[in-house]
Amino acid sequence: MSTTMIDTARYTFRVTWSVEDDEFVATCVEFPSLSWLAETPESALTGLRELVDEVVADLRERGEDVPEPLSTRHYSGKFQLRLGEDLHRRLAIEAAEQHLSLNQYVTRKLAAAS
């Protein structure tokens, strides 16, 4: 979180069809409480981007923290994962069967799932 200048176009936007609303809905990962409904995906995105601009300007004006875009954050490539003993054992066995380190095995499984 920061109060430095942030390019709001770098936030993570997504537009999907909402069956419940019978319209397109735009969302922003960094602002999960915000969304915008519209008849076209372009209008939904435009509406939400304008709303995010307003919210960011308001946060800055009040001296509050502005979320940093996920796209500009630094990622080390490492994270810790806690899992149960049984799952850990099973994954270690599967990795060994494929002649891979546990890290290589889990990385491949995650990449294949995304």
PDB file of N, CA and C in Angstrom:
ATOM      1  N   MET A   1       0.848  -1.178   0.000  1.00  0.00           N
ATOM      2  CA  MET A   1       0.000   0.000   0.000  1.00  0.00           C
ATOM      3  C   MET A   1       0.893   1.241   0.000  1.00  0.00           C
ATOM      4  N   SER A   2       0.442   2.240  -0.732  1.00  0.00           N
ATOM      5  CA  SER A   2       1.278   3.410  -0.899  1.00  0.00           C
ATOM      6  C   SER A   2       0.419   4.611  -1.230  1.00  0.00           C
ATOM      7  N   THR A   3       0.961   5.797  -0.951  1.00  0.00           N
ATOM      8  CA  THR A   3       0.280   7.021  -1.349  1.00  0.00           C
ATOM      9  C   THR A   3       0.987   7.656  -2.540  1.00  0.00           C
ATOM     10  N   THR A   4       2.001   6.981  -3.127  1.00  0.00           N
ATOM     11  CA  THR A   4       2.697   7.503  -4.293  1.00  0.00           C
ATOM     12  C   THR A   4       1.784   7.421  -5.507  1.00  0.00           C
ATOM     13  N   MET A   5       2.172   8.142  -6.558  1.00  0.00           N
ATOM     14  CA  MET A   5       1.357   8.156  -7.773  1.00  0.00           C
ATOM     15  C   MET A   5       1.319   6.768  -8.402  1.00  0.00           C
ATOM     16  N   ILE A   6       0.128   6.316  -8.705  1.00  0.00           N
ATOM     17  CA  ILE A   6      -0.073   4.993  -9.296  1.00  0.00           C
ATOM     18  C   ILE A   6      -0.870   5.156 -10.570  1.00  0.00           C
ATOM     19  N   ASP A   7      -0.428   4.488 -11.626  1.00  0.00           N
ATOM     20  CA  ASP A   7      -1.152   4.470 -12.889  1.00  0.00           C
ATOM     21  C   ASP A   7      -2.283   3.450 -12.746  1.00  0.00           C
ATOM     22  N   THR A   8      -3.512   3.916 -12.629  1.00  0.00           N
ATOM     23  CA  THR A   8      -4.640   3.015 -12.386  1.00  0.00           C
ATOM     24  C   THR A   8      -4.903   2.067 -13.554  1.00  0.00           C
ATOM     25  N   ALA A   9      -4.365   2.357 -14.739  1.00  0.00           N
ATOM     26  CA  ALA A   9      -4.521   1.446 -15.874  1.00  0.00           C
ATOM     27  C   ALA A   9      -3.767   0.142 -15.641  1.00  0.00           C
ATOM     28  N   ARG A  10      -2.869   0.135 -14.667  1.00  0.00           N
ATOM     29  CA  ARG A  10      -2.082  -1.067 -14.374  1.00  0.00           C
ATOM     30  C   ARG A  10      -2.766  -2.005 -13.387  1.00  0.00           C
ATOM     31  N   TYR A  11      -3.932  -1.623 -12.916  1.00  0.00           N
ATOM     32  CA  TYR A  11      -4.673  -2.529 -12.030  1.00  0.00           C
ATOM     33  C   TYR A  11      -5.177  -3.734 -12.825  1.00  0.00           C
ATOM     34  N   THR A  12      -5.593  -4.756 -12.121  1.00  0.00           N
ATOM     35  CA  THR A  12      -6.016  -6.013 -12.735  1.00  0.00           C
ATOM     36  C   THR A  12      -7.532  -6.007 -12.924  1.00  0.00           C
ATOM     37  N   PHE A  13      -7.961  -5.704 -14.137  1.00  0.00           N
ATOM     38  CA  PHE A  13      -9.384  -5.634 -14.459  1.00  0.00           C
ATOM     39  C   PHE A  13      -9.822  -6.906 -15.166  1.00  0.00           C
ATOM     40  N   ARG A  14     -11.077  -7.269 -14.952  1.00  0.00           N
ATOM     41  CA  ARG A  14     -11.654  -8.427 -15.641  1.00  0.00           C
ATOM     42  C   ARG A  14     -13.105  -8.099 -15.965  1.00  0.00           C
ATOM     43  N   VAL A  15     -13.528  -8.495 -17.152  1.00  0.00           N
ATOM     44  CA  VAL A  15     -14.925  -8.313 -17.554  1.00  0.00           C
ATOM     45  C   VAL A  15     -15.495  -9.686 -17.882  1.00  0.00           C
ATOM     46  N   THR A  16     -16.623 -10.007 -17.265  1.00  0.00           N
ATOM     47  CA  THR A  16     -17.297 -11.283 -17.513  1.00  0.00           C
ATOM     48  C   THR A  16     -18.791 -11.039 -17.664  1.00  0.00           C
ATOM     49  N   TRP A  17     -19.468 -12.036 -18.172  1.00  0.00           N
ATOM     50  CA  TRP A  17     -20.914 -11.973 -18.312  1.00  0.00           C
ATOM     51  C   TRP A  17     -21.551 -12.379 -16.987  1.00  0.00           C
ATOM     52  N   SER A  18     -22.533 -11.615 -16.522  1.00  0.00           N
ATOM     53  CA  SER A  18     -23.270 -11.940 -15.307  1.00  0.00           C
ATOM     54  C   SER A  18     -24.641 -12.462 -15.694  1.00  0.00           C
ATOM     55  N   VAL A  19     -24.856 -13.746 -15.510  1.00  0.00           N
ATOM     56  CA  VAL A  19     -26.157 -14.357 -15.811  1.00  0.00           C
ATOM     57  C   VAL A  19     -27.238 -13.751 -14.912  1.00  0.00           C
ATOM     58  N   GLU A  20     -26.887 -13.544 -13.643  1.00  0.00           N
ATOM     59  CA  GLU A  20     -27.860 -13.001 -12.682  1.00  0.00           C
ATOM     60  C   GLU A  20     -28.336 -11.603 -13.066  1.00  0.00           C
ATOM     61  N   ASP A  21     -27.412 -10.783 -13.562  1.00  0.00           N
ATOM     62  CA  ASP A  21     -27.749  -9.395 -13.899  1.00  0.00           C
ATOM     63  C   ASP A  21     -28.084  -9.205 -15.375  1.00  0.00           C
ATOM     64  N   ASP A  22     -27.818 -10.219 -16.195  1.00  0.00           N
ATOM     65  CA  ASP A  22     -28.051 -10.154 -17.631  1.00  0.00           C
ATOM     66  C   ASP A  22     -27.292  -8.983 -18.264  1.00  0.00           C
ATOM     67  N   GLU A  23     -26.077  -8.757 -17.742  1.00  0.00           N
ATOM     68  CA  GLU A  23     -25.203  -7.701 -18.243  1.00  0.00           C
ATOM     69  C   GLU A  23     -23.757  -8.126 -18.032  1.00  0.00           C
ATOM     70  N   PHE A  24     -22.850  -7.377 -18.611  1.00  0.00           N
ATOM     71  CA  PHE A  24     -21.439  -7.597 -18.360  1.00  0.00           C
ATOM     72  C   PHE A  24     -21.068  -6.924 -17.049  1.00  0.00           C
ATOM     73  N   VAL A  25     -20.183  -7.564 -16.291  1.00  0.00           N
ATOM     74  CA  VAL A  25     -19.724  -6.991 -15.030  1.00  0.00           C
ATOM     75  C   VAL A  25     -18.205  -6.887 -15.072  1.00  0.00           C
ATOM     76  N   ALA A  26     -17.719  -5.702 -14.740  1.00  0.00           N
ATOM     77  CA  ALA A  26     -16.278  -5.459 -14.652  1.00  0.00           C
ATOM     78  C   ALA A  26     -15.894  -5.459 -13.185  1.00  0.00           C
ATOM     79  N   THR A  27     -14.751  -6.098 -12.888  1.00  0.00           N
ATOM     80  CA  THR A  27     -14.240  -6.131 -11.522  1.00  0.00           C
ATOM     81  C   THR A  27     -12.760  -5.783 -11.543  1.00  0.00           C
ATOM     82  N   CYS A  28     -12.232  -5.452 -10.370  1.00  0.00           N
ATOM     83  CA  CYS A  28     -10.824  -5.094 -10.226  1.00  0.00           C
ATOM     84  C   CYS A  28     -10.289  -5.844  -9.011  1.00  0.00           C
ATOM     85  N   VAL A  29      -9.277  -6.677  -9.225  1.00  0.00           N
ATOM     86  CA  VAL A  29      -8.742  -7.516  -8.150  1.00  0.00           C
ATOM     87  C   VAL A  29      -8.272  -6.671  -6.971  1.00  0.00           C
ATOM     88  N   GLU A  30      -7.632  -5.549  -7.228  1.00  0.00           N
ATOM     89  CA  GLU A  30      -7.096  -4.717  -6.158  1.00  0.00           C
ATOM     90  C   GLU A  30      -8.185  -3.987  -5.367  1.00  0.00           C
ATOM     91  N   PHE A  31      -9.386  -3.884  -5.927  1.00  0.00           N
ATOM     92  CA  PHE A  31     -10.526  -3.251  -5.257  1.00  0.00           C
ATOM     93  C   PHE A  31     -11.717  -4.214  -5.310  1.00  0.00           C
ATOM     94  N   PRO A  32     -11.699  -5.275  -4.505  1.00  0.00           N
ATOM     95  CA  PRO A  32     -12.721  -6.324  -4.613  1.00  0.00           C
ATOM     96  C   PRO A  32     -14.146  -5.868  -4.309  1.00  0.00           C
ATOM     97  N   SER A  33     -14.316  -4.745  -3.654  1.00  0.00           N
ATOM     98  CA  SER A  33     -15.673  -4.280  -3.340  1.00  0.00           C
ATOM     99  C   SER A  33     -16.294  -3.471  -4.474  1.00  0.00           C
ATOM    100  N   LEU A  34     -15.520  -3.181  -5.523  1.00  0.00           N
ATOM    101  CA  LEU A  34     -16.031  -2.384  -6.632  1.00  0.00           C
ATOM    102  C   LEU A  34     -16.381  -3.258  -7.827  1.00  0.00           C
ATOM    103  N   SER A  35     -17.449  -2.878  -8.527  1.00  0.00           N
ATOM    104  CA  SER A  35     -17.802  -3.526  -9.793  1.00  0.00           C
ATOM    105  C   SER A  35     -18.648  -2.549 -10.600  1.00  0.00           C
ATOM    106  N   TRP A  36     -18.814  -2.874 -11.900  1.00  0.00           N
ATOM    107  CA  TRP A  36     -19.601  -2.007 -12.778  1.00  0.00           C
ATOM    108  C   TRP A  36     -20.339  -2.883 -13.776  1.00  0.00           C
ATOM    109  N   LEU A  37     -21.650  -2.690 -13.868  1.00  0.00           N
ATOM    110  CA  LEU A  37     -22.483  -3.429 -14.814  1.00  0.00           C
ATOM    111  C   LEU A  37     -22.793  -2.563 -16.031  1.00  0.00           C
ATOM    112  N   ALA A  38     -22.806  -3.204 -17.211  1.00  0.00           N
ATOM    113  CA  ALA A  38     -23.144  -2.482 -18.436  1.00  0.00           C
ATOM    114  C   ALA A  38     -23.569  -3.477 -19.512  1.00  0.00           C
ATOM    115  N   GLU A  39     -24.168  -2.942 -20.568  1.00  0.00           N
ATOM    116  CA  GLU A  39     -24.663  -3.796 -21.654  1.00  0.00           C
ATOM    117  C   GLU A  39     -23.555  -4.341 -22.543  1.00  0.00           C
ATOM    118  N   THR A  40     -22.395  -3.662 -22.582  1.00  0.00           N
ATOM    119  CA  THR A  40     -21.276  -4.139 -23.395  1.00  0.00           C
ATOM    120  C   THR A  40     -20.049  -4.298 -22.500  1.00  0.00           C
ATOM    121  N   PRO A  41     -19.129  -5.175 -22.886  1.00  0.00           N
ATOM    122  CA  PRO A  41     -17.917  -5.324 -22.077  1.00  0.00           C
ATOM    123  C   PRO A  41     -17.095  -4.035 -22.048  1.00  0.00           C
ATOM    124  N   GLU A  42     -17.071  -3.324 -23.156  1.00  0.00           N
ATOM    125  CA  GLU A  42     -16.310  -2.078 -23.218  1.00  0.00           C
ATOM    126  C   GLU A  42     -16.878  -1.033 -22.246  1.00  0.00           C
ATOM    127  N   SER A  43     -18.206  -0.935 -22.190  1.00  0.00           N
ATOM    128  CA  SER A  43     -18.840   0.025 -21.284  1.00  0.00           C
ATOM    129  C   SER A  43     -18.623  -0.357 -19.826  1.00  0.00           C
ATOM    130  N   ALA A  44     -18.649  -1.653 -19.545  1.00  0.00           N
ATOM    131  CA  ALA A  44     -18.419  -2.104 -18.175  1.00  0.00           C
ATOM    132  C   ALA A  44     -17.001  -1.746 -17.734  1.00  0.00           C
ATOM    133  N   LEU A  45     -16.025  -1.997 -18.610  1.00  0.00           N
ATOM    134  CA  LEU A  45     -14.638  -1.690 -18.277  1.00  0.00           C
ATOM    135  C   LEU A  45     -14.431  -0.185 -18.126  1.00  0.00           C
ATOM    136  N   THR A  46     -14.973   0.582 -19.038  1.00  0.00           N
ATOM    137  CA  THR A  46     -14.840   2.043 -18.962  1.00  0.00           C
ATOM    138  C   THR A  46     -15.446   2.573 -17.675  1.00  0.00           C
ATOM    139  N   GLY A  47     -16.639   2.102 -17.331  1.00  0.00           N
ATOM    140  CA  GLY A  47     -17.295   2.555 -16.110  1.00  0.00           C
ATOM    141  C   GLY A  47     -16.492   2.229 -14.870  1.00  0.00           C
ATOM    142  N   LEU A  48     -15.952   1.022 -14.805  1.00  0.00           N
ATOM    143  CA  LEU A  48     -15.181   0.637 -13.625  1.00  0.00           C
ATOM    144  C   LEU A  48     -13.856   1.394 -13.570  1.00  0.00           C
ATOM    145  N   ARG A  49     -13.209   1.577 -14.699  1.00  0.00           N
ATOM    146  CA  ARG A  49     -11.940   2.314 -14.684  1.00  0.00           C
ATOM    147  C   ARG A  49     -12.156   3.748 -14.193  1.00  0.00           C
ATOM    148  N   GLU A  50     -13.252   4.380 -14.599  1.00  0.00           N
ATOM    149  CA  GLU A  50     -13.553   5.730 -14.118  1.00  0.00           C
ATOM    150  C   GLU A  50     -13.830   5.717 -12.618  1.00  0.00           C
ATOM    151  N   LEU A  51     -14.551   4.697 -12.148  1.00  0.00           N
ATOM    152  CA  LEU A  51     -14.836   4.574 -10.715  1.00  0.00           C
ATOM    153  C   LEU A  51     -13.553   4.375  -9.920  1.00  0.00           C
ATOM    154  N   VAL A  52     -12.663   3.510 -10.395  1.00  0.00           N
ATOM    155  CA  VAL A  52     -11.393   3.278  -9.714  1.00  0.00           C
ATOM    156  C   VAL A  52     -10.583   4.567  -9.675  1.00  0.00           C
ATOM    157  N   ASP A  53     -10.556   5.322 -10.768  1.00  0.00           N
ATOM    158  CA  ASP A  53      -9.863   6.621 -10.778  1.00  0.00           C
ATOM    159  C   ASP A  53     -10.402   7.532  -9.678  1.00  0.00           C
ATOM    160  N   GLU A  54     -11.731   7.573  -9.529  1.00  0.00           N
ATOM    161  CA  GLU A  54     -12.361   8.410  -8.503  1.00  0.00           C
ATOM    162  C   GLU A  54     -11.999   7.933  -7.096  1.00  0.00           C
ATOM    163  N   VAL A  55     -12.037   6.624  -6.885  1.00  0.00           N
ATOM    164  CA  VAL A  55     -11.721   6.068  -5.568  1.00  0.00           C
ATOM    165  C   VAL A  55     -10.268   6.339  -5.203  1.00  0.00           C
ATOM    166  N   VAL A  56      -9.360   6.145  -6.159  1.00  0.00           N
ATOM    167  CA  VAL A  56      -7.939   6.402  -5.906  1.00  0.00           C
ATOM    168  C   VAL A  56      -7.718   7.883  -5.593  1.00  0.00           C
ATOM    169  N   ALA A  57      -8.352   8.770  -6.348  1.00  0.00           N
ATOM    170  CA  ALA A  57      -8.220  10.212  -6.082  1.00  0.00           C
ATOM    171  C   ALA A  57      -8.743  10.548  -4.687  1.00  0.00           C
ATOM    172  N   ASP A  58      -9.854   9.943  -4.299  1.00  0.00           N
ATOM    173  CA  ASP A  58     -10.424  10.172  -2.971  1.00  0.00           C
ATOM    174  C   ASP A  58      -9.495   9.658  -1.872  1.00  0.00           C
ATOM    175  N   LEU A  59      -8.930   8.474  -2.064  1.00  0.00           N
ATOM    176  CA  LEU A  59      -7.992   7.927  -1.073  1.00  0.00           C
ATOM    177  C   LEU A  59      -6.785   8.837  -0.915  1.00  0.00           C
ATOM    178  N   ARG A  60      -6.249   9.311  -2.030  1.00  0.00           N
ATOM    179  CA  ARG A  60      -5.093  10.217  -1.976  1.00  0.00           C
ATOM    180  C   ARG A  60      -5.445  11.516  -1.254  1.00  0.00           C
ATOM    181  N   GLU A  61      -6.607  12.061  -1.587  1.00  0.00           N
ATOM    182  CA  GLU A  61      -7.050  13.320  -0.984  1.00  0.00           C
ATOM    183  C   GLU A  61      -7.159  13.200   0.533  1.00  0.00           C
ATOM    184  N   ARG A  62      -7.600  12.030   0.999  1.00  0.00           N
ATOM    185  CA  ARG A  62      -7.757  11.798   2.442  1.00  0.00           C
ATOM    186  C   ARG A  62      -6.470  11.299   3.090  1.00  0.00           C
ATOM    187  N   GLY A  63      -5.412  11.127   2.292  1.00  0.00           N
ATOM    188  CA  GLY A  63      -4.136  10.667   2.834  1.00  0.00           C
ATOM    189  C   GLY A  63      -4.121   9.193   3.196  1.00  0.00           C
ATOM    190  N   GLU A  64      -5.026   8.426   2.601  1.00  0.00           N
ATOM    191  CA  GLU A  64      -5.095   6.993   2.888  1.00  0.00           C
ATOM    192  C   GLU A  64      -4.250   6.208   1.895  1.00  0.00           C
ATOM    193  N   ASP A  65      -3.931   4.984   2.278  1.00  0.00           N
ATOM    194  CA  ASP A  65      -3.125   4.124   1.411  1.00  0.00           C
ATOM    195  C   ASP A  65      -3.903   3.737   0.162  1.00  0.00           C
ATOM    196  N   VAL A  66      -3.181   3.718  -0.956  1.00  0.00           N
ATOM    197  CA  VAL A  66      -3.731   3.305  -2.249  1.00  0.00           C
ATOM    198  C   VAL A  66      -3.101   1.955  -2.585  1.00  0.00           C
ATOM    199  N   PRO A  67      -3.900   0.939  -2.900  1.00  0.00           N
ATOM    200  CA  PRO A  67      -3.322  -0.371  -3.222  1.00  0.00           C
ATOM    201  C   PRO A  67      -2.384  -0.299  -4.421  1.00  0.00           C
ATOM    202  N   GLU A  68      -1.269  -0.992  -4.304  1.00  0.00           N
ATOM    203  CA  GLU A  68      -0.324  -1.087  -5.422  1.00  0.00           C
ATOM    204  C   GLU A  68      -0.857  -2.110  -6.419  1.00  0.00           C
ATOM    205  N   PRO A  69      -0.778  -1.825  -7.716  1.00  0.00           N
ATOM    206  CA  PRO A  69      -1.228  -2.805  -8.712  1.00  0.00           C
ATOM    207  C   PRO A  69      -0.434  -4.106  -8.596  1.00  0.00           C
ATOM    208  N   LEU A  70      -1.110  -5.230  -8.728  1.00  0.00           N
ATOM    209  CA  LEU A  70      -0.436  -6.527  -8.705  1.00  0.00           C
ATOM    210  C   LEU A  70       0.630  -6.608  -9.784  1.00  0.00           C
ATOM    211  N   SER A  71       0.379  -5.958 -10.920  1.00  0.00           N
ATOM    212  CA  SER A  71       1.298  -6.025 -12.055  1.00  0.00           C
ATOM    213  C   SER A  71       2.634  -5.336 -11.798  1.00  0.00           C
ATOM    214  N   THR A  72       2.697  -4.437 -10.815  1.00  0.00           N
ATOM    215  CA  THR A  72       3.945  -3.717 -10.558  1.00  0.00           C
ATOM    216  C   THR A  72       4.637  -4.196  -9.286  1.00  0.00           C
ATOM    217  N   ARG A  73       4.040  -5.129  -8.578  1.00  0.00           N
ATOM    218  CA  ARG A  73       4.660  -5.660  -7.364  1.00  0.00           C
ATOM    219  C   ARG A  73       5.821  -6.578  -7.726  1.00  0.00           C
ATOM    220  N   HIS A  74       6.803  -6.633  -6.848  1.00  0.00           N
ATOM    221  CA  HIS A  74       7.939  -7.539  -7.035  1.00  0.00           C
ATOM    222  C   HIS A  74       7.593  -8.890  -6.415  1.00  0.00           C
ATOM    223  N   TYR A  75       7.848  -9.944  -7.173  1.00  0.00           N
ATOM    224  CA  TYR A  75       7.615 -11.301  -6.692  1.00  0.00           C
ATOM    225  C   TYR A  75       8.948 -12.031  -6.688  1.00  0.00           C
ATOM    226  N   SER A  76       9.280 -12.644  -5.567  1.00  0.00           N
ATOM    227  CA  SER A  76      10.577 -13.321  -5.421  1.00  0.00           C
ATOM    228  C   SER A  76      10.590 -14.682  -6.102  1.00  0.00           C
ATOM    229  N   GLY A  77       9.422 -15.237  -6.376  1.00  0.00           N
ATOM    230  CA  GLY A  77       9.372 -16.589  -6.923  1.00  0.00           C
ATOM    231  C   GLY A  77       9.328 -17.641  -5.837  1.00  0.00           C
ATOM    232  N   LYS A  78       9.244 -17.195  -4.587  1.00  0.00           N
ATOM    233  CA  LYS A  78       9.194 -18.127  -3.464  1.00  0.00           C
ATOM    234  C   LYS A  78       7.964 -17.829  -2.614  1.00  0.00           C
ATOM    235  N   PHE A  79       7.354 -18.891  -2.116  1.00  0.00           N
ATOM    236  CA  PHE A  79       6.328 -18.738  -1.090  1.00  0.00           C
ATOM    237  C   PHE A  79       6.281 -20.026  -0.302  1.00  0.00           C
ATOM    238  N   GLN A  80       5.892 -19.925   0.945  1.00  0.00           N
ATOM    239  CA  GLN A  80       5.803 -21.116   1.783  1.00  0.00           C
ATOM    240  C   GLN A  80       4.395 -21.656   1.735  1.00  0.00           C
ATOM    241  N   LEU A  81       4.316 -22.962   1.755  1.00  0.00           N
ATOM    242  CA  LEU A  81       3.032 -23.630   1.702  1.00  0.00           C
ATOM    243  C   LEU A  81       2.988 -24.667   2.807  1.00  0.00           C
ATOM    244  N   ARG A  82       1.985 -24.581   3.643  1.00  0.00           N
ATOM    245  CA  ARG A  82       1.822 -25.578   4.697  1.00  0.00           C
ATOM    246  C   ARG A  82       0.725 -26.538   4.261  1.00  0.00           C
ATOM    247  N   LEU A  83       1.025 -27.814   4.380  1.00  0.00           N
ATOM    248  CA  LEU A  83       0.037 -28.825   4.029  1.00  0.00           C
ATOM    249  C   LEU A  83       0.187 -29.988   4.999  1.00  0.00           C
ATOM    250  N   GLY A  84      -0.798 -30.824   5.022  1.00  0.00           N
ATOM    251  CA  GLY A  84      -0.782 -31.947   5.953  1.00  0.00           C
ATOM    252  C   GLY A  84       0.297 -32.963   5.612  1.00  0.00           C
ATOM    253  N   GLU A  85       0.660 -33.763   6.636  1.00  0.00           N
ATOM    254  CA  GLU A  85       1.698 -34.783   6.456  1.00  0.00           C
ATOM    255  C   GLU A  85       1.383 -35.763   5.340  1.00  0.00           C
ATOM    256  N   ASP A  86       0.145 -36.220   5.284  1.00  0.00           N
ATOM    257  CA  ASP A  86      -0.235 -37.207   4.271  1.00  0.00           C
ATOM    258  C   ASP A  86      -0.081 -36.658   2.853  1.00  0.00           C
ATOM    259  N   LEU A  87      -0.533 -35.431   2.640  1.00  0.00           N
ATOM    260  CA  LEU A  87      -0.395 -34.828   1.315  1.00  0.00           C
ATOM    261  C   LEU A  87       1.075 -34.613   0.980  1.00  0.00           C
ATOM    262  N   HIS A  88       1.844 -34.145   1.939  1.00  0.00           N
ATOM    263  CA  HIS A  88       3.273 -33.932   1.735  1.00  0.00           C
ATOM    264  C   HIS A  88       3.940 -35.249   1.317  1.00  0.00           C
ATOM    265  N   ARG A  89       3.632 -36.318   2.027  1.00  0.00           N
ATOM    266  CA  ARG A  89       4.190 -37.638   1.722  1.00  0.00           C
ATOM    267  C   ARG A  89       3.792 -38.084   0.312  1.00  0.00           C
ATOM    268  N   ARG A  90       2.517 -37.939  -0.010  1.00  0.00           N
ATOM    269  CA  ARG A  90       2.022 -38.366  -1.321  1.00  0.00           C
ATOM    270  C   ARG A  90       2.705 -37.590  -2.445  1.00  0.00           C
ATOM    271  N   LEU A  91       2.834 -36.284  -2.284  1.00  0.00           N
ATOM    272  CA  LEU A  91       3.501 -35.469  -3.306  1.00  0.00           C
ATOM    273  C   LEU A  91       4.975 -35.838  -3.433  1.00  0.00           C
ATOM    274  N   ALA A  92       5.637 -36.091  -2.312  1.00  0.00           N
ATOM    275  CA  ALA A  92       7.056 -36.478  -2.343  1.00  0.00           C
ATOM    276  C   ALA A  92       7.232 -37.803  -3.074  1.00  0.00           C
ATOM    277  N   ILE A  93       6.331 -38.735  -2.855  1.00  0.00           N
ATOM    278  CA  ILE A  93       6.393 -40.031  -3.532  1.00  0.00           C
ATOM    279  C   ILE A  93       6.170 -39.852  -5.033  1.00  0.00           C
ATOM    280  N   GLU A  94       5.140 -39.072  -5.408  1.00  0.00           N
ATOM    281  CA  GLU A  94       4.855 -38.835  -6.827  1.00  0.00           C
ATOM    282  C   GLU A  94       6.035 -38.152  -7.511  1.00  0.00           C
ATOM    283  N   ALA A  95       6.658 -37.207  -6.822  1.00  0.00           N
ATOM    284  CA  ALA A  95       7.829 -36.521  -7.385  1.00  0.00           C
ATOM    285  C   ALA A  95       8.978 -37.502  -7.587  1.00  0.00           C
ATOM    286  N   ALA A  96       9.236 -38.329  -6.596  1.00  0.00           N
ATOM    287  CA  ALA A  96      10.326 -39.308  -6.696  1.00  0.00           C
ATOM    288  C   ALA A  96      10.074 -40.285  -7.835  1.00  0.00           C
ATOM    289  N   GLU A  97       8.818 -40.699  -8.006  1.00  0.00           N
ATOM    290  CA  GLU A  97       8.475 -41.621  -9.093  1.00  0.00           C
ATOM    291  C   GLU A  97       8.769 -41.015 -10.467  1.00  0.00           C
ATOM    292  N   GLN A  98       8.702 -39.692 -10.552  1.00  0.00           N
ATOM    293  CA  GLN A  98       8.970 -39.017 -11.827  1.00  0.00           C
ATOM    294  C   GLN A  98      10.399 -38.479 -11.898  1.00  0.00           C
ATOM    295  N   HIS A  99      11.212 -38.838 -10.894  1.00  0.00           N
ATOM    296  CA  HIS A  99      12.614 -38.419 -10.836  1.00  0.00           C
ATOM    297  C   HIS A  99      12.740 -36.898 -10.842  1.00  0.00           C
ATOM    298  N   LEU A 100      11.882 -36.259 -10.068  1.00  0.00           N
ATOM    299  CA  LEU A 100      11.886 -34.804  -9.933  1.00  0.00           C
ATOM    300  C   LEU A 100      12.023 -34.440  -8.465  1.00  0.00           C
ATOM    301  N   SER A 101      12.531 -33.232  -8.227  1.00  0.00           N
ATOM    302  CA  SER A 101      12.492 -32.722  -6.856  1.00  0.00           C
ATOM    303  C   SER A 101      11.036 -32.391  -6.530  1.00  0.00           C
ATOM    304  N   LEU A 102      10.732 -32.310  -5.275  1.00  0.00           N
ATOM    305  CA  LEU A 102       9.364 -31.952  -4.872  1.00  0.00           C
ATOM    306  C   LEU A 102       9.000 -30.578  -5.426  1.00  0.00           C
ATOM    307  N   ASN A 103       9.950 -29.650  -5.398  1.00  0.00           N
ATOM    308  CA  ASN A 103       9.709 -28.309  -5.921  1.00  0.00           C
ATOM    309  C   ASN A 103       9.381 -28.345  -7.415  1.00  0.00           C
ATOM    310  N   GLN A 104      10.171 -29.078  -8.187  1.00  0.00           N
ATOM    311  CA  GLN A 104       9.921 -29.183  -9.632  1.00  0.00           C
ATOM    312  C   GLN A 104       8.550 -29.817  -9.896  1.00  0.00           C
ATOM    313  N   TYR A 105       8.237 -30.857  -9.141  1.00  0.00           N
ATOM    314  CA  TYR A 105       6.978 -31.564  -9.335  1.00  0.00           C
ATOM    315  C   TYR A 105       5.767 -30.660  -9.061  1.00  0.00           C
ATOM    316  N   VAL A 106       5.815 -29.968  -7.926  1.00  0.00           N
ATOM    317  CA  VAL A 106       4.697 -29.096  -7.555  1.00  0.00           C
ATOM    318  C   VAL A 106       4.592 -27.923  -8.527  1.00  0.00           C
ATOM    319  N   THR A 107       5.730 -27.370  -8.954  1.00  0.00           N
ATOM    320  CA  THR A 107       5.714 -26.276  -9.922  1.00  0.00           C
ATOM    321  C   THR A 107       5.043 -26.713 -11.228  1.00  0.00           C
ATOM    322  N   ARG A 108       5.368 -27.892 -11.694  1.00  0.00           N
ATOM    323  CA  ARG A 108       4.737 -28.405 -12.929  1.00  0.00           C
ATOM    324  C   ARG A 108       3.246 -28.621 -12.740  1.00  0.00           C
ATOM    325  N   LYS A 109       2.861 -29.160 -11.595  1.00  0.00           N
ATOM    326  CA  LYS A 109       1.432 -29.385 -11.347  1.00  0.00           C
ATOM    327  C   LYS A 109       0.683 -28.055 -11.304  1.00  0.00           C
ATOM    328  N   LEU A 110       1.242 -27.068 -10.659  1.00  0.00           N
ATOM    329  CA  LEU A 110       0.597 -25.751 -10.590  1.00  0.00           C
ATOM    330  C   LEU A 110       0.517 -25.111 -11.974  1.00  0.00           C
ATOM    331  N   ALA A 111       1.580 -25.204 -12.742  1.00  0.00           N
ATOM    332  CA  ALA A 111       1.587 -24.620 -14.090  1.00  0.00           C
ATOM    333  C   ALA A 111       0.562 -25.300 -14.980  1.00  0.00           C
ATOM    334  N   ALA A 112       0.407 -26.601 -14.846  1.00  0.00           N
ATOM    335  CA  ALA A 112      -0.561 -27.337 -15.660  1.00  0.00           C
ATOM    336  C   ALA A 112      -1.993 -26.999 -15.277  1.00  0.00           C
ATOM    337  N   ALA A 113      -2.198 -26.618 -14.026  1.00  0.00           N
ATOM    338  CA  ALA A 113      -3.553 -26.320 -13.540  1.00  0.00           C
ATOM    339  C   ALA A 113      -3.996 -24.899 -13.900  1.00  0.00           C
ATOM    340  N   SER A 114      -3.058 -24.041 -14.276  1.00  0.00           N
ATOM    341  CA  SER A 114      -3.449 -22.644 -14.538  1.00  0.00           C
ATOM    342  C   SER A 114      -3.668 -22.362 -15.995  1.00  0.00           C
TER     343      SER A 114
END
